[in-house]
C-alpha atoms as a PDB file:
ATOM      1  CA  MET A   1     -39.019   6.480  -4.690  1.00  0.00           C
ATOM      2  CA  GLN A   2     -42.710   7.169  -5.156  1.00  0.00           C
ATOM      3  CA  ASP A   3     -43.622  10.833  -4.754  1.00  0.00           C
ATOM      4  CA  TRP A   4     -44.642  11.171  -1.080  1.00  0.00           C
ATOM      5  CA  ASN A   5     -47.143  13.917  -1.937  1.00  0.00           C
ATOM      6  CA  GLU A   6     -48.895  12.016  -4.730  1.00  0.00           C
ATOM      7  CA  ARG A   7     -52.233  11.668  -2.899  1.00  0.00           C
ATOM      8  CA  THR A   8     -52.408  15.396  -2.174  1.00  0.00           C
ATOM      9  CA  TYR A   9     -51.713  16.082  -5.849  1.00  0.00           C
ATOM     10  CA  LEU A  10     -54.491  13.689  -6.888  1.00  0.00           C
ATOM     11  CA  LEU A  11     -57.013  15.462  -4.653  1.00  0.00           C
ATOM     12  CA  LEU A  12     -56.046  19.120  -5.007  1.00  0.00           C
ATOM     13  CA  GLY A  13     -54.482  19.181  -8.476  1.00  0.00           C
ATOM     14  CA  GLN A  14     -51.291  20.645  -9.874  1.00  0.00           C
ATOM     15  CA  GLN A  15     -52.004  24.345  -9.417  1.00  0.00           C
ATOM     16  CA  ALA A  16     -53.025  24.095  -5.771  1.00  0.00           C
ATOM     17  CA  THR A  17     -50.113  21.777  -4.966  1.00  0.00           C
ATOM     18  CA  GLN A  18     -47.704  24.258  -6.516  1.00  0.00           C
ATOM     19  CA  ARG A  19     -49.260  27.087  -4.524  1.00  0.00           C
ATOM     20  CA  LEU A  20     -48.693  25.163  -1.312  1.00  0.00           C
ATOM     21  CA  ALA A  21     -45.096  24.408  -2.280  1.00  0.00           C
ATOM     22  CA  ALA A  22     -44.481  28.127  -2.828  1.00  0.00           C
ATOM     23  CA  ALA A  23     -46.050  29.225   0.469  1.00  0.00           C
ATOM     24  CA  HIS A  24     -44.507  30.205   3.802  1.00  0.00           C
ATOM     25  CA  VAL A  25     -46.454  29.315   6.943  1.00  0.00           C
ATOM     26  CA  MET A  26     -45.443  30.327  10.468  1.00  0.00           C
ATOM     27  CA  VAL A  27     -46.716  28.373  13.483  1.00  0.00           C
ATOM     28  CA  VAL A  28     -46.273  30.107  16.820  1.00  0.00           C
ATOM     29  CA  GLY A  29     -46.500  27.616  19.649  1.00  0.00           C
ATOM     30  CA  VAL A  30     -45.903  23.919  18.933  1.00  0.00           C
ATOM     31  CA  GLY A  31     -47.507  22.318  21.947  1.00  0.00           C
ATOM     32  CA  GLY A  32     -50.768  20.381  22.098  1.00  0.00           C
ATOM     33  CA  VAL A  33     -52.508  22.391  19.364  1.00  0.00           C
ATOM     34  CA  GLY A  34     -49.703  23.972  17.362  1.00  0.00           C
ATOM     35  CA  ALA A  35     -47.593  20.875  16.786  1.00  0.00           C
ATOM     36  CA  TYR A  36     -50.483  19.079  15.098  1.00  0.00           C
ATOM     37  CA  ALA A  37     -51.204  22.167  13.018  1.00  0.00           C
ATOM     38  CA  ALA A  38     -47.550  22.379  11.972  1.00  0.00           C
ATOM     39  CA  GLU A  39     -47.345  18.730  10.997  1.00  0.00           C
ATOM     40  CA  MET A  40     -50.556  18.772   8.963  1.00  0.00           C
ATOM     41  CA  VAL A  41     -49.328  21.840   7.080  1.00  0.00           C
ATOM     42  CA  ALA A  42     -45.990  20.139   6.436  1.00  0.00           C
ATOM     43  CA  ARG A  43     -47.688  16.966   5.184  1.00  0.00           C
ATOM     44  CA  ALA A  44     -49.703  19.080   2.728  1.00  0.00           C
ATOM     45  CA  GLY A  45     -46.435  20.060   1.034  1.00  0.00           C
ATOM     46  CA  VAL A  46     -45.965  23.668   2.153  1.00  0.00           C
ATOM     47  CA  GLY A  47     -42.475  24.590   1.010  1.00  0.00           C
ATOM     48  CA  ARG A  48     -41.352  26.904   3.812  1.00  0.00           C
ATOM     49  CA  MET A  49     -42.260  26.782   7.474  1.00  0.00           C
ATOM     50  CA  THR A  50     -41.217  28.708  10.540  1.00  0.00           C
ATOM     51  CA  ILE A  51     -41.992  27.177  13.926  1.00  0.00           C
ATOM     52  CA  VAL A  52     -41.624  29.159  17.136  1.00  0.00           C
ATOM     53  CA  ASP A  53     -41.677  27.939  20.731  1.00  0.00           C
ATOM     54  CA  GLY A  54     -39.458  28.537  23.750  1.00  0.00           C
ATOM     55  CA  ASP A  55     -40.409  25.415  25.682  1.00  0.00           C
ATOM     56  CA  THR A  56     -38.901  21.955  26.129  1.00  0.00           C
ATOM     57  CA  VAL A  57     -40.815  18.684  26.345  1.00  0.00           C
ATOM     58  CA  SER A  58     -41.962  17.796  29.853  1.00  0.00           C
ATOM     59  CA  PRO A  59     -43.572  14.585  31.164  1.00  0.00           C
ATOM     60  CA  SER A  60     -46.954  16.329  31.577  1.00  0.00           C
ATOM     61  CA  ASN A  61     -47.023  16.972  27.808  1.00  0.00           C
ATOM     62  CA  ILE A  62     -47.065  13.284  26.877  1.00  0.00           C
ATOM     63  CA  ASN A  63     -50.834  12.802  27.149  1.00  0.00           C
ATOM     64  CA  ARG A  64     -51.564  15.168  24.241  1.00  0.00           C
ATOM     65  CA  GLN A  65     -48.576  16.801  22.522  1.00  0.00           C
ATOM     66  CA  LEU A  66     -47.159  15.457  19.267  1.00  0.00           C
ATOM     67  CA  PRO A  67     -43.463  16.057  20.085  1.00  0.00           C
ATOM     68  CA  ALA A  68     -43.808  14.605  23.593  1.00  0.00           C
ATOM     69  CA  LEU A  69     -42.481  11.100  24.209  1.00  0.00           C
ATOM     70  CA  HIS A  70     -40.569   9.665  27.140  1.00  0.00           C
ATOM     71  CA  SER A  71     -37.544   9.693  24.844  1.00  0.00           C
ATOM     72  CA  THR A  72     -37.900  13.425  24.053  1.00  0.00           C
ATOM     73  CA  VAL A  73     -38.376  14.796  27.578  1.00  0.00           C
ATOM     74  CA  GLY A  74     -36.023  17.745  28.043  1.00  0.00           C
ATOM     75  CA  ILE A  75     -35.535  18.355  24.301  1.00  0.00           C
ATOM     76  CA  ASP A  76     -36.663  21.616  22.682  1.00  0.00           C
ATOM     77  CA  LYS A  77     -40.108  21.210  21.129  1.00  0.00           C
ATOM     78  CA  VAL A  78     -39.080  23.132  18.013  1.00  0.00           C
ATOM     79  CA  GLU A  79     -36.145  20.790  17.491  1.00  0.00           C
ATOM     80  CA  VAL A  80     -38.309  17.671  17.771  1.00  0.00           C
ATOM     81  CA  MET A  81     -40.773  19.159  15.299  1.00  0.00           C
ATOM     82  CA  ARG A  82     -38.049  20.382  12.947  1.00  0.00           C
ATOM     83  CA  ARG A  83     -36.694  16.843  12.671  1.00  0.00           C
ATOM     84  CA  ARG A  84     -40.177  15.386  12.097  1.00  0.00           C
ATOM     85  CA  MET A  85     -41.106  17.871   9.388  1.00  0.00           C
ATOM     86  CA  ALA A  86     -37.744  17.553   7.629  1.00  0.00           C
ATOM     87  CA  ASP A  87     -38.302  13.798   7.559  1.00  0.00           C
ATOM     88  CA  ILE A  88     -41.747  14.367   6.027  1.00  0.00           C
ATOM     89  CA  ASN A  89     -40.616  16.835   3.369  1.00  0.00           C
ATOM     90  CA  PRO A  90     -36.813  16.925   2.975  1.00  0.00           C
ATOM     91  CA  GLU A  91     -37.088  19.668   0.348  1.00  0.00           C
ATOM     92  CA  ALA A  92     -38.885  22.107   2.644  1.00  0.00           C
ATOM     93  CA  ARG A  93     -37.137  25.021   4.309  1.00  0.00           C
ATOM     94  CA  ILE A  94     -37.845  24.774   8.017  1.00  0.00           C
ATOM     95  CA  ASP A  95     -36.766  27.519  10.405  1.00  0.00           C
ATOM     96  CA  ALA A  96     -37.020  26.470  14.054  1.00  0.00           C
ATOM     97  CA  LEU A  97     -36.870  29.367  16.517  1.00  0.00           C
ATOM     98  CA  LYS A  98     -36.555  28.574  20.207  1.00  0.00           C
ATOM     99  CA  GLU A  99     -37.999  31.649  21.845  1.00  0.00           C
ATOM    100  CA  PHE A 100     -40.915  32.750  23.967  1.00  0.00           C
ATOM    101  CA  VAL A 101     -42.735  35.401  21.975  1.00  0.00           C
ATOM    102  CA  THR A 102     -43.256  38.725  23.758  1.00  0.00           C
ATOM    103  CA  PRO A 103     -45.053  41.901  22.659  1.00  0.00           C
ATOM    104  CA  ASP A 104     -41.617  43.440  22.084  1.00  0.00           C
ATOM    105  CA  THR A 105     -40.393  40.679  19.753  1.00  0.00           C
ATOM    106  CA  VAL A 106     -43.475  40.154  17.602  1.00  0.00           C
ATOM    107  CA  GLY A 107     -42.482  42.776  15.043  1.00  0.00           C
ATOM    108  CA  SER A 108     -39.086  41.219  14.325  1.00  0.00           C
ATOM    109  CA  LEU A 109     -40.611  37.748  14.303  1.00  0.00           C
ATOM    110  CA  LEU A 110     -42.904  38.752  11.425  1.00  0.00           C
ATOM    111  CA  ALA A 111     -40.114  40.401   9.406  1.00  0.00           C
ATOM    112  CA  SER A 112     -40.032  37.330   7.125  1.00  0.00           C
ATOM    113  CA  ASN A 113     -43.589  38.203   5.953  1.00  0.00           C
ATOM    114  CA  PRO A 114     -45.165  34.741   6.090  1.00  0.00           C
ATOM    115  CA  ASP A 115     -48.142  34.044   3.863  1.00  0.00           C
ATOM    116  CA  PHE A 116     -50.063  32.713   6.852  1.00  0.00           C
ATOM    117  CA  VAL A 117     -49.609  32.649  10.622  1.00  0.00           C
ATOM    118  CA  ILE A 118     -51.092  30.026  12.904  1.00  0.00           C
ATOM    119  CA  ASP A 119     -51.413  31.332  16.451  1.00  0.00           C
ATOM    120  CA  ALA A 120     -51.284  28.555  19.038  1.00  0.00           C
ATOM    121  CA  ILE A 121     -49.967  30.662  21.920  1.00  0.00           C
ATOM    122  CA  ASP A 122     -51.360  29.983  25.410  1.00  0.00           C
ATOM    123  CA  SER A 123     -50.395  33.268  27.085  1.00  0.00           C
ATOM    124  CA  ILE A 124     -52.541  36.382  26.693  1.00  0.00           C
ATOM    125  CA  ALA A 125     -50.090  39.258  26.161  1.00  0.00           C
ATOM    126  CA  PRO A 126     -47.976  37.674  23.399  1.00  0.00           C
ATOM    127  CA  LYS A 127     -51.064  36.172  21.789  1.00  0.00           C
ATOM    128  CA  VAL A 128     -52.830  39.517  21.504  1.00  0.00           C
ATOM    129  CA  ALA A 129     -49.645  41.229  20.327  1.00  0.00           C
ATOM    130  CA  LEU A 130     -49.147  38.662  17.558  1.00  0.00           C
ATOM    131  CA  ILE A 131     -52.771  38.909  16.428  1.00  0.00           C
ATOM    132  CA  GLU A 132     -52.740  42.717  16.377  1.00  0.00           C
ATOM    133  CA  HIS A 133     -49.480  42.906  14.440  1.00  0.00           C
ATOM    134  CA  CYS A 134     -50.873  40.547  11.818  1.00  0.00           C
ATOM    135  CA  LEU A 135     -54.169  42.403  11.531  1.00  0.00           C
ATOM    136  CA  ARG A 136     -52.442  45.778  11.223  1.00  0.00           C
ATOM    137  CA  ARG A 137     -50.000  44.551   8.594  1.00  0.00           C
ATOM    138  CA  GLY A 138     -52.511  42.522   6.597  1.00  0.00           C
ATOM    139  CA  ILE A 139     -50.813  39.198   7.342  1.00  0.00           C
ATOM    140  CA  ASN A 140     -53.223  36.271   7.195  1.00  0.00           C
ATOM    141  CA  ILE A 141     -53.716  34.694  10.610  1.00  0.00           C
ATOM    142  CA  VAL A 142     -55.900  32.050  12.215  1.00  0.00           C
ATOM    143  CA  SER A 143     -55.940  31.683  15.974  1.00  0.00           C
ATOM    144  CA  SER A 144     -56.646  28.912  18.471  1.00  0.00           C
ATOM    145  CA  MET A 145     -58.820  29.606  21.461  1.00  0.00           C
ATOM    146  CA  GLY A 146     -59.117  27.323  24.502  1.00  0.00           C
ATOM    147  CA  ALA A 147     -58.935  23.552  23.999  1.00  0.00           C
ATOM    148  CA  GLY A 148     -58.407  22.656  27.647  1.00  0.00           C
ATOM    149  CA  GLY A 149     -61.136  21.415  29.939  1.00  0.00           C
ATOM    150  CA  ARG A 150     -63.245  20.071  27.066  1.00  0.00           C
ATOM    151  CA  ILE A 151     -64.039  16.581  25.812  1.00  0.00           C
ATOM    152  CA  ASP A 152     -66.642  16.975  23.023  1.00  0.00           C
ATOM    153  CA  PRO A 153     -65.046  16.945  19.543  1.00  0.00           C
ATOM    154  CA  THR A 154     -68.359  17.815  17.863  1.00  0.00           C
ATOM    155  CA  ALA A 155     -68.440  21.210  19.613  1.00  0.00           C
ATOM    156  CA  VAL A 156     -65.296  22.540  17.890  1.00  0.00           C
ATOM    157  CA  ARG A 157     -66.056  25.328  15.411  1.00  0.00           C
ATOM    158  CA  TYR A 158     -64.681  28.042  13.146  1.00  0.00           C
ATOM    159  CA  ALA A 159     -65.948  31.565  13.766  1.00  0.00           C
ATOM    160  CA  ASP A 160     -64.983  35.192  13.818  1.00  0.00           C
ATOM    161  CA  ILE A 161     -63.765  35.991  17.308  1.00  0.00           C
ATOM    162  CA  ALA A 162     -66.723  38.333  17.743  1.00  0.00           C
ATOM    163  CA  GLN A 163     -69.045  35.309  17.591  1.00  0.00           C
ATOM    164  CA  THR A 164     -67.345  33.131  20.239  1.00  0.00           C
ATOM    165  CA  ARG A 165     -68.841  32.238  23.622  1.00  0.00           C
ATOM    166  CA  ASN A 166     -68.219  29.878  26.561  1.00  0.00           C
ATOM    167  CA  ASP A 167     -64.488  30.460  26.226  1.00  0.00           C
ATOM    168  CA  GLY A 168     -62.557  32.470  28.799  1.00  0.00           C
ATOM    169  CA  LEU A 169     -59.474  32.804  26.602  1.00  0.00           C
ATOM    170  CA  ALA A 170     -61.557  34.074  23.687  1.00  0.00           C
ATOM    171  CA  ARG A 171     -63.351  36.527  25.962  1.00  0.00           C
ATOM    172  CA  VAL A 172     -60.121  38.082  27.207  1.00  0.00           C
ATOM    173  CA  VAL A 173     -58.590  38.207  23.710  1.00  0.00           C
ATOM    174  CA  ARG A 174     -61.802  39.679  22.275  1.00  0.00           C
ATOM    175  CA  THR A 175     -61.912  42.366  24.978  1.00  0.00           C
ATOM    176  CA  ARG A 176     -58.312  43.415  24.425  1.00  0.00           C
ATOM    177  CA  LEU A 177     -58.698  43.487  20.663  1.00  0.00           C
ATOM    178  CA  ARG A 178     -61.820  45.664  20.942  1.00  0.00           C
ATOM    179  CA  LYS A 179     -59.957  48.031  23.256  1.00  0.00           C
ATOM    180  CA  ASP A 180     -57.345  48.460  20.527  1.00  0.00           C
ATOM    181  CA  GLY A 181     -59.908  48.952  17.779  1.00  0.00           C
ATOM    182  CA  PHE A 182     -60.317  45.423  16.395  1.00  0.00           C
ATOM    183  CA  LYS A 183     -63.924  44.319  16.787  1.00  0.00           C
ATOM    184  CA  SER A 184     -63.873  41.518  14.206  1.00  0.00           C
ATOM    185  CA  GLY A 185     -61.859  40.120  11.318  1.00  0.00           C
ATOM    186  CA  LEU A 186     -60.042  37.319  13.155  1.00  0.00           C
ATOM    187  CA  THR A 187     -60.922  33.713  12.304  1.00  0.00           C
ATOM    188  CA  VAL A 188     -60.542  31.387  15.273  1.00  0.00           C
ATOM    189  CA  VAL A 189     -60.961  27.738  16.146  1.00  0.00           C
ATOM    190  CA  TRP A 190     -62.970  27.417  19.361  1.00  0.00           C
ATOM    191  CA  SER A 191     -65.362  25.133  21.213  1.00  0.00           C
ATOM    192  CA  GLU A 192     -68.986  25.793  22.163  1.00  0.00           C
ATOM    193  CA  GLU A 193     -68.545  23.407  25.086  1.00  0.00           C
ATOM    194  CA  LEU A 194     -68.181  24.946  28.523  1.00  0.00           C
ATOM    195  CA  PRO A 195     -64.837  24.015  30.093  1.00  0.00           C
ATOM    196  CA  ARG A 196     -64.937  21.689  33.084  1.00  0.00           C
ATOM    197  CA  GLU A 197     -64.005  24.014  35.924  1.00  0.00           C
ATOM    198  CA  ALA A 198     -63.071  21.133  38.221  1.00  0.00           C
ATOM    199  CA  SER A 199     -60.107  20.403  35.944  1.00  0.00           C
ATOM    200  CA  LEU A 200     -58.573  23.871  36.397  1.00  0.00           C
ATOM    201  CA  THR A 201     -55.224  23.911  38.169  1.00  0.00           C
ATOM    202  CA  LEU A 202     -52.399  26.312  38.863  1.00  0.00           C
ATOM    203  CA  THR A 203     -49.265  25.789  36.809  1.00  0.00           C
ATOM    204  CA  ASP A 204     -45.715  27.045  36.539  1.00  0.00           C
ATOM    205  CA  GLU A 205     -44.962  25.215  33.295  1.00  0.00           C
ATOM    206  CA  LEU A 206     -45.227  28.179  30.952  1.00  0.00           C
ATOM    207  CA  GLN A 207     -43.946  31.711  31.009  1.00  0.00           C
ATOM    208  CA  ASN A 208     -46.778  34.243  31.511  1.00  0.00           C
ATOM    209  CA  LYS A 209     -49.309  31.497  32.298  1.00  0.00           C
ATOM    210  CA  ARG A 210     -50.468  30.800  35.839  1.00  0.00           C
ATOM    211  CA  SER A 211     -53.312  28.314  35.367  1.00  0.00           C
ATOM    212  CA  SER A 212     -54.290  25.513  33.025  1.00  0.00           C
ATOM    213  CA  TYR A 213     -57.161  23.103  32.423  1.00  0.00           C
ATOM    214  CA  GLY A 214     -56.858  19.361  32.273  1.00  0.00           C
ATOM    215  CA  THR A 215     -56.743  17.972  28.755  1.00  0.00           C
ATOM    216  CA  VAL A 216     -57.521  14.791  26.878  1.00  0.00           C
ATOM    217  CA  SER A 217     -55.449  13.375  24.021  1.00  0.00           C
ATOM    218  CA  TYR A 218     -57.703  14.092  21.034  1.00  0.00           C
ATOM    219  CA  LEU A 219     -59.119  17.586  21.638  1.00  0.00           C
ATOM    220  CA  PRO A 220     -55.964  19.686  21.051  1.00  0.00           C
ATOM    221  CA  CYS A 221     -55.249  17.536  17.989  1.00  0.00           C
ATOM    222  CA  ILE A 222     -58.660  18.425  16.531  1.00  0.00           C
ATOM    223  CA  PHE A 223     -58.010  22.120  17.107  1.00  0.00           C
ATOM    224  CA  GLY A 224     -54.631  21.794  15.384  1.00  0.00           C
ATOM    225  CA  CYS A 225     -56.024  19.925  12.409  1.00  0.00           C
ATOM    226  CA  MET A 226     -58.760  22.507  11.936  1.00  0.00           C
ATOM    227  CA  LEU A 227     -56.234  25.341  12.046  1.00  0.00           C
ATOM    228  CA  ALA A 228     -54.156  23.554   9.417  1.00  0.00           C
ATOM    229  CA  ALA A 229     -57.192  22.842   7.247  1.00  0.00           C
ATOM    230  CA  HIS A 230     -58.136  26.516   7.247  1.00  0.00           C
ATOM    231  CA  VAL A 231     -54.643  27.544   6.179  1.00  0.00           C
ATOM    232  CA  ILE A 232     -54.269  24.854   3.511  1.00  0.00           C
ATOM    233  CA  ASN A 233     -57.630  25.644   1.940  1.00  0.00           C
ATOM    234  CA  LYS A 234     -56.987  29.384   1.932  1.00  0.00           C
ATOM    235  CA  LEU A 235     -53.523  28.941   0.426  1.00  0.00           C
ATOM    236  CA  ARG A 236     -54.670  26.600  -2.330  1.00  0.00           C
ATOM    237  CA  GLU A 237     -57.215  29.210  -3.437  1.00  0.00           C
ATOM    238  CA  SER A 238     -54.843  32.190  -3.300  1.00  0.00           C
ATOM    239  CA  PHE A 239     -51.822  33.725  -5.081  1.00  0.00           C
END
């Protein structure tokens, strides 16, 4: 069988491809943003991945989430993604953890010392706890800010969290990080576009999350791909 990763090898070269194969990436949250990030990292040939999410697929996920199909409703998101990524790279080690991250569990979650963490958590308290643990311990992390309520793909950017604007999630995260002594040093994917307030609704879908914006199919995917691109490019240059 032809090497499935041949095109990556042709573009990035032997050394970078080997670096990716030796790396361990953790993706926390595999919903609309995180699942795309996880799959793009897997398709780049990363040799070990840990995916974390406590949720199951629901019908409202189908408009935008990679693991969400009518045939997967009710199945754990991490299990759907584990199967997909194992089918992409059968040689990879994939640890699928079904759990909702809390501030109390972040420390044990990071005990495996991943080379890079992708934060795609929607809820504030666990998100901030994960970010702060990584920053304190020197673990590389890139974080997603709000993708909901937006439709303009050209407004999506990379920035340090200190430079973000027009994003309520980023504002709250930034404020809490500053309170704990972290004014900068966190790379995020965010959008300059103001969210469409008319699309805001109350929700009981997620633990620790009481409201959510409407979403369109392609925007969370773009966030996820940009998170993955950041990680892949940093990993291929490192070690």
